[in-house]
Amino acid sequence: MSEFRITHEIHEVHPDIREKLTAATIDAINESSARSAEDAALVLRHRLGEIGVNMSEEACLAAIERIRSGKSLRFEIERDDSDGAE
């Protein structure tokens, strides 16, 4: 997966969440540049937790591998449609 989705509701409460995610990801990558991808993913997961974002170990590993392969991450904002359909 190349995009990490942020629900619209989270973005409304935290309009700077995209910037925080980007900064936390860059910090984690810089801190863990000499570590294995698995260790770097744990650092990223911890950094994201510090700003209140929970991401699975698998998603963090995918993000690290994507960045290390020279690709970029995009944080997309989407609406949570689960509330309206019953």
N, C-alpha and C. Protein backbone atom coordinates (compact mmCIF):
# COMPACT_ATOMS: atom_id res chain seq x y z
N MET A 1 0.84 -1.18 0.00
CA MET A 1 0.00 0.00 0.00
C MET A 1 0.89 1.24 0.00
N SER A 2 0.57 2.17 -0.85
CA SER A 2 1.43 3.34 -0.98
C SER A 2 0.89 4.57 -0.27
N GLU A 3 -0.34 4.52 0.18
CA GLU A 3 -0.93 5.67 0.84
C GLU A 3 -1.35 5.29 2.25
N PHE A 4 -1.23 6.24 3.15
CA PHE A 4 -1.71 6.05 4.50
C PHE A 4 -2.88 6.99 4.67
N ARG A 5 -4.01 6.44 5.00
CA ARG A 5 -5.24 7.22 5.02
C ARG A 5 -5.54 7.76 6.41
N ILE A 6 -5.97 8.99 6.44
CA ILE A 6 -6.35 9.67 7.67
C ILE A 6 -7.82 10.02 7.51
N THR A 7 -8.64 9.65 8.48
CA THR A 7 -10.06 9.97 8.32
C THR A 7 -10.28 11.48 8.42
N HIS A 8 -11.30 11.93 7.75
CA HIS A 8 -11.63 13.35 7.71
C HIS A 8 -11.88 13.88 9.12
N GLU A 9 -12.48 13.06 9.99
CA GLU A 9 -12.79 13.49 11.34
C GLU A 9 -11.51 13.78 12.12
N ILE A 10 -10.49 12.94 11.97
CA ILE A 10 -9.22 13.20 12.64
C ILE A 10 -8.60 14.48 12.11
N HIS A 11 -8.67 14.69 10.81
CA HIS A 11 -8.10 15.89 10.21
C HIS A 11 -8.81 17.14 10.70
N GLU A 12 -10.12 17.07 10.92
CA GLU A 12 -10.85 18.24 11.42
C GLU A 12 -10.40 18.60 12.83
N VAL A 13 -10.15 17.59 13.66
CA VAL A 13 -9.73 17.83 15.04
C VAL A 13 -8.26 18.25 15.09
N HIS A 14 -7.46 17.65 14.23
CA HIS A 14 -6.01 17.92 14.19
C HIS A 14 -5.62 18.32 12.77
N PRO A 15 -5.86 19.58 12.38
CA PRO A 15 -5.59 19.98 11.00
C PRO A 15 -4.11 19.88 10.62
N ASP A 16 -3.22 19.83 11.61
CA ASP A 16 -1.80 19.74 11.31
C ASP A 16 -1.29 18.30 11.36
N ILE A 17 -2.20 17.32 11.36
CA ILE A 17 -1.80 15.92 11.52
C ILE A 17 -0.88 15.46 10.39
N ARG A 18 -1.12 15.92 9.18
CA ARG A 18 -0.27 15.51 8.05
C ARG A 18 1.17 15.97 8.28
N GLU A 19 1.33 17.21 8.75
CA GLU A 19 2.67 17.72 9.03
C GLU A 19 3.33 16.96 10.18
N LYS A 20 2.53 16.65 11.21
CA LYS A 20 3.08 15.88 12.34
C LYS A 20 3.50 14.48 11.91
N LEU A 21 2.69 13.85 11.08
CA LEU A 21 3.04 12.52 10.58
C LEU A 21 4.32 12.56 9.76
N THR A 22 4.43 13.55 8.91
CA THR A 22 5.62 13.68 8.08
C THR A 22 6.85 13.92 8.94
N ALA A 23 6.75 14.83 9.91
CA ALA A 23 7.90 15.13 10.78
C ALA A 23 8.29 13.91 11.60
N ALA A 24 7.32 13.19 12.16
CA ALA A 24 7.61 12.00 12.96
C ALA A 24 8.26 10.92 12.11
N THR A 25 7.79 10.78 10.88
CA THR A 25 8.36 9.77 9.98
C THR A 25 9.79 10.12 9.62
N ILE A 26 10.05 11.38 9.31
CA ILE A 26 11.42 11.81 8.97
C ILE A 26 12.34 11.62 10.16
N ASP A 27 11.89 11.99 11.36
CA ASP A 27 12.70 11.80 12.56
C ASP A 27 13.04 10.33 12.77
N ALA A 28 12.04 9.47 12.61
CA ALA A 28 12.26 8.04 12.81
C ALA A 28 13.24 7.48 11.78
N ILE A 29 13.11 7.91 10.55
CA ILE A 29 14.01 7.44 9.48
C ILE A 29 15.43 7.89 9.77
N ASN A 30 15.59 9.15 10.13
CA ASN A 30 16.93 9.67 10.43
C ASN A 30 17.56 8.95 11.62
N GLU A 31 16.76 8.73 12.66
CA GLU A 31 17.27 8.08 13.87
C GLU A 31 17.66 6.63 13.61
N SER A 32 16.97 5.98 12.70
CA SER A 32 17.17 4.55 12.52
C SER A 32 17.84 4.19 11.20
N SER A 33 18.53 5.12 10.58
CA SER A 33 19.09 4.88 9.25
C SER A 33 20.07 3.72 9.21
N ALA A 34 20.78 3.46 10.30
CA ALA A 34 21.77 2.38 10.32
C ALA A 34 21.19 1.07 10.84
N ARG A 35 19.90 1.04 11.13
CA ARG A 35 19.27 -0.15 11.70
C ARG A 35 18.59 -0.98 10.62
N SER A 36 18.21 -2.18 11.00
CA SER A 36 17.45 -3.03 10.08
C SER A 36 16.08 -2.41 9.84
N ALA A 37 15.41 -2.84 8.79
CA ALA A 37 14.08 -2.32 8.48
C ALA A 37 13.10 -2.61 9.62
N GLU A 38 13.24 -3.78 10.23
CA GLU A 38 12.35 -4.15 11.32
C GLU A 38 12.56 -3.23 12.53
N ASP A 39 13.82 -2.95 12.86
CA ASP A 39 14.11 -2.04 13.97
C ASP A 39 13.63 -0.62 13.64
N ALA A 40 13.84 -0.21 12.42
CA ALA A 40 13.39 1.12 12.00
C ALA A 40 11.87 1.23 12.09
N ALA A 41 11.17 0.15 11.75
CA ALA A 41 9.71 0.15 11.84
C ALA A 41 9.25 0.31 13.28
N LEU A 42 9.97 -0.31 14.22
CA LEU A 42 9.63 -0.15 15.63
C LEU A 42 9.85 1.29 16.09
N VAL A 43 10.94 1.91 15.62
CA VAL A 43 11.20 3.31 15.96
C VAL A 43 10.08 4.19 15.40
N LEU A 44 9.69 3.93 14.15
CA LEU A 44 8.62 4.70 13.54
C LEU A 44 7.32 4.52 14.32
N ARG A 45 7.00 3.30 14.68
CA ARG A 45 5.77 3.03 15.42
C ARG A 45 5.76 3.79 16.75
N HIS A 46 6.91 3.80 17.42
CA HIS A 46 7.03 4.52 18.69
C HIS A 46 6.86 6.03 18.48
N ARG A 47 7.52 6.57 17.45
CA ARG A 47 7.42 8.01 17.17
C ARG A 47 5.98 8.42 16.85
N LEU A 48 5.29 7.58 16.06
CA LEU A 48 3.90 7.89 15.74
C LEU A 48 3.03 7.82 16.99
N GLY A 49 3.32 6.86 17.88
CA GLY A 49 2.58 6.75 19.13
C GLY A 49 2.72 7.99 19.99
N GLU A 50 3.89 8.63 19.91
CA GLU A 50 4.12 9.86 20.67
C GLU A 50 3.20 10.99 20.26
N ILE A 51 2.72 10.97 19.00
CA ILE A 51 1.80 12.02 18.55
C ILE A 51 0.36 11.50 18.50
N GLY A 52 0.14 10.32 19.10
CA GLY A 52 -1.21 9.80 19.20
C GLY A 52 -1.71 9.03 18.00
N VAL A 53 -0.80 8.56 17.16
CA VAL A 53 -1.19 7.79 15.97
C VAL A 53 -0.78 6.35 16.18
N ASN A 54 -1.72 5.45 16.07
CA ASN A 54 -1.42 4.03 16.18
C ASN A 54 -1.38 3.41 14.79
N MET A 55 -0.28 2.78 14.48
CA MET A 55 -0.12 2.14 13.19
C MET A 55 0.46 0.75 13.44
N SER A 56 0.00 -0.24 12.70
CA SER A 56 0.46 -1.61 12.92
C SER A 56 1.93 -1.74 12.56
N GLU A 57 2.56 -2.76 13.13
CA GLU A 57 3.97 -3.02 12.81
C GLU A 57 4.15 -3.27 11.32
N GLU A 58 3.19 -3.97 10.72
CA GLU A 58 3.26 -4.27 9.29
C GLU A 58 3.21 -2.99 8.45
N ALA A 59 2.34 -2.08 8.83
CA ALA A 59 2.22 -0.82 8.09
C ALA A 59 3.49 0.02 8.26
N CYS A 60 4.06 0.02 9.46
CA CYS A 60 5.30 0.77 9.70
C CYS A 60 6.44 0.17 8.88
N LEU A 61 6.51 -1.15 8.83
CA LEU A 61 7.55 -1.80 8.04
C LEU A 61 7.39 -1.48 6.56
N ALA A 62 6.15 -1.49 6.09
CA ALA A 62 5.89 -1.14 4.69
C ALA A 62 6.31 0.30 4.40
N ALA A 63 6.06 1.20 5.34
CA ALA A 63 6.45 2.60 5.17
C ALA A 63 7.97 2.73 5.11
N ILE A 64 8.67 2.04 6.01
CA ILE A 64 10.14 2.09 6.03
C ILE A 64 10.70 1.54 4.72
N GLU A 65 10.20 0.40 4.30
CA GLU A 65 10.70 -0.21 3.06
C GLU A 65 10.43 0.69 1.86
N ARG A 66 9.27 1.33 1.85
CA ARG A 66 8.94 2.23 0.75
C ARG A 66 9.90 3.42 0.71
N ILE A 67 10.15 4.01 1.87
CA ILE A 67 11.05 5.16 1.92
C ILE A 67 12.47 4.76 1.54
N ARG A 68 12.93 3.64 2.07
CA ARG A 68 14.30 3.19 1.78
C ARG A 68 14.48 2.80 0.32
N SER A 69 13.41 2.49 -0.37
CA SER A 69 13.52 2.16 -1.80
C SER A 69 13.41 3.40 -2.67
N GLY A 70 13.36 4.58 -2.03
CA GLY A 70 13.35 5.83 -2.78
C GLY A 70 11.98 6.34 -3.13
N LYS A 71 10.95 5.71 -2.64
CA LYS A 71 9.59 6.16 -2.93
C LYS A 71 9.12 7.08 -1.81
N SER A 72 8.09 7.83 -2.09
CA SER A 72 7.58 8.75 -1.08
C SER A 72 6.31 8.19 -0.46
N LEU A 73 5.97 8.74 0.69
CA LEU A 73 4.71 8.40 1.35
C LEU A 73 3.74 9.53 1.14
N ARG A 74 2.49 9.18 0.98
CA ARG A 74 1.44 10.20 0.91
C ARG A 74 0.46 9.92 2.02
N PHE A 75 0.11 10.94 2.74
CA PHE A 75 -0.91 10.81 3.77
C PHE A 75 -2.18 11.41 3.21
N GLU A 76 -3.13 10.57 2.89
CA GLU A 76 -4.38 11.00 2.27
C GLU A 76 -5.46 11.14 3.34
N ILE A 77 -6.34 12.09 3.14
CA ILE A 77 -7.46 12.30 4.07
C ILE A 77 -8.72 11.76 3.41
N GLU A 78 -9.42 10.89 4.12
CA GLU A 78 -10.65 10.33 3.57
C GLU A 78 -11.76 10.46 4.59
N ARG A 79 -12.99 10.49 4.09
CA ARG A 79 -14.14 10.53 4.98
C ARG A 79 -14.42 9.13 5.50
N ASP A 80 -14.85 9.06 6.74
CA ASP A 80 -15.24 7.79 7.35
C ASP A 80 -16.72 7.60 7.06
N ASP A 81 -17.03 6.68 6.14
CA ASP A 81 -18.41 6.47 5.72
C ASP A 81 -19.16 5.47 6.58
N SER A 82 -18.53 4.93 7.59
CA SER A 82 -19.17 3.89 8.41
C SER A 82 -20.32 4.43 9.25
N ASP A 83 -20.37 5.73 9.51
CA ASP A 83 -21.41 6.31 10.35
C ASP A 83 -22.77 6.39 9.66
N GLY A 84 -22.78 6.65 8.37
CA GLY A 84 -24.03 6.94 7.68
C GLY A 84 -24.77 5.75 7.13
N ALA A 85 -24.14 4.62 6.92
CA ALA A 85 -24.79 3.49 6.27
C ALA A 85 -25.27 2.47 7.28
N GLU A 86 -26.61 2.44 7.49
CA GLU A 86 -27.19 1.42 8.37
C GLU A 86 -28.46 0.92 7.80
